């Protein structure tokens, strides 16, 4: 019986440490949001990741850092725009402050 209680206490302690170790996932910076948007653009040239704009053509692969800008900063997310000068199109990303890409579309209507 003492072994079972000891095992349960050890497991609880280890799980608690894991929670504390990951509790510092905080707010990303605007610069990090730009990097996340650039990574999302590259991924979207290979496959449709489930956003309304679908798979992007290859002209989106060659975007430079300067073609990504923060359009707005809201309470819980950033809106990042990506400008493609070759096709004269823009894509807007809604990126949560934890780094998750929530949405992407052709209009900034989040």
Protein backbone atom coordinates (compact mmCIF):
# COMPACT_ATOMS: atom_id res chain seq x y z
CA UNK A 1 0.00 0.00 0.00
CA UNK A 2 2.85 2.37 0.83
CA UNK A 3 4.41 1.67 -2.58
CA UNK A 4 1.19 2.60 -4.37
CA UNK A 5 0.91 5.86 -2.44
CA UNK A 6 4.57 6.62 -3.14
CA UNK A 7 4.09 5.96 -6.86
CA UNK A 8 1.00 8.17 -6.99
CA UNK A 9 2.81 10.95 -5.13
CA UNK A 10 5.81 10.69 -7.49
CA UNK A 11 3.59 10.78 -10.60
CA UNK A 12 1.71 13.79 -9.26
CA UNK A 13 4.95 15.60 -8.51
CA UNK A 14 6.33 14.88 -11.99
CA UNK A 15 3.14 16.06 -13.67
CA UNK A 16 3.19 19.23 -11.59
CA UNK A 17 6.76 19.95 -12.65
CA UNK A 18 5.76 19.52 -16.29
CA UNK A 19 2.96 22.03 -15.87
CA UNK A 20 5.25 24.54 -14.19
CA UNK A 21 7.91 24.01 -16.83
CA UNK A 22 5.46 24.94 -19.57
CA UNK A 23 3.59 27.71 -17.82
CA UNK A 24 5.91 30.37 -19.22
CA UNK A 25 4.51 30.21 -22.75
CA UNK A 26 3.71 33.86 -22.96
CA UNK A 27 2.99 36.52 -25.47
CA UNK A 28 5.03 36.53 -28.66
CA UNK A 29 6.55 39.73 -29.98
CA UNK A 30 5.56 41.48 -33.16
CA UNK A 31 8.83 40.38 -34.73
CA UNK A 32 8.03 36.76 -33.91
CA UNK A 33 4.56 37.21 -35.49
CA UNK A 34 6.27 38.32 -38.71
CA UNK A 35 8.47 35.20 -38.70
CA UNK A 36 5.44 32.99 -38.08
CA UNK A 37 3.60 34.59 -41.01
CA UNK A 38 6.62 34.04 -43.30
CA UNK A 39 6.77 30.38 -42.25
CA UNK A 40 3.03 30.01 -42.87
CA UNK A 41 3.39 31.52 -46.36
CA UNK A 42 6.09 29.01 -47.24
CA UNK A 43 4.02 26.12 -45.95
CA UNK A 44 0.98 27.32 -47.90
CA UNK A 45 2.93 27.17 -51.20
CA UNK A 46 3.26 23.42 -50.74
CA UNK A 47 -0.23 22.53 -49.55
CA UNK A 48 -3.63 23.81 -48.55
CA UNK A 49 -3.51 24.14 -44.76
CA UNK A 50 -7.23 24.71 -44.35
CA UNK A 51 -7.60 28.48 -44.65
CA UNK A 52 -10.07 30.09 -47.06
CA UNK A 53 -7.32 31.18 -49.48
CA UNK A 54 -6.13 27.61 -50.08
CA UNK A 55 -2.78 26.69 -51.60
CA UNK A 56 -0.66 29.60 -52.82
CA UNK A 57 1.27 29.77 -56.10
CA UNK A 58 5.08 29.74 -56.21
CA UNK A 59 5.41 33.54 -56.42
CA UNK A 60 4.78 33.67 -52.67
CA UNK A 61 7.96 31.69 -51.94
CA UNK A 62 10.29 34.57 -52.78
CA UNK A 63 8.91 37.23 -50.44
CA UNK A 64 11.45 39.24 -48.51
CA UNK A 65 11.27 40.27 -44.86
CA UNK A 66 10.33 43.80 -45.82
CA UNK A 67 7.15 42.54 -47.49
CA UNK A 68 5.69 41.45 -44.14
CA UNK A 69 4.22 44.11 -41.87
CA UNK A 70 2.12 44.24 -38.75
CA UNK A 71 -1.22 45.74 -39.77
CA UNK A 72 -2.66 45.90 -36.27
CA UNK A 73 -2.14 44.69 -32.73
CA UNK A 74 -5.29 43.62 -30.91
CA UNK A 75 -5.84 42.38 -27.36
CA UNK A 76 -5.34 38.71 -28.17
CA UNK A 77 -3.81 38.63 -31.65
CA UNK A 78 -1.67 40.32 -34.28
CA UNK A 79 -2.76 40.98 -37.86
CA UNK A 80 0.21 40.54 -40.19
CA UNK A 81 0.06 41.37 -43.89
CA UNK A 82 2.17 39.81 -46.59
CA UNK A 83 2.52 41.77 -49.83
CA UNK A 84 3.33 39.92 -53.05
CA UNK A 85 4.63 42.49 -55.56
CA UNK A 86 4.70 39.92 -58.40
CA UNK A 87 0.97 39.28 -58.24
CA UNK A 88 0.01 42.61 -56.59
CA UNK A 89 -1.91 40.71 -53.88
CA UNK A 90 -1.92 40.80 -50.10
CA UNK A 91 -2.67 38.12 -47.55
CA UNK A 92 -3.57 38.90 -43.96
CA UNK A 93 -2.81 36.55 -41.08
CA UNK A 94 -4.50 36.53 -37.70
CA UNK A 95 -1.83 35.28 -35.31
CA UNK A 96 -2.69 34.66 -31.68
CA UNK A 97 -0.36 36.10 -29.08
CA UNK A 98 0.69 32.53 -28.24
CA UNK A 99 2.01 32.10 -31.81
CA UNK A 100 -0.82 30.09 -33.37
CA UNK A 101 -1.98 31.08 -36.86
CA UNK A 102 -5.73 31.43 -36.42
CA UNK A 103 -6.77 32.55 -39.90
CA UNK A 104 -5.53 33.80 -43.24
CA UNK A 105 -7.46 35.58 -45.96
CA UNK A 106 -7.31 38.28 -48.64
CA UNK A 107 -9.01 40.93 -46.52
CA UNK A 108 -8.19 42.42 -43.14
CA UNK A 109 -11.60 41.74 -41.63
CA UNK A 110 -10.74 39.89 -38.45
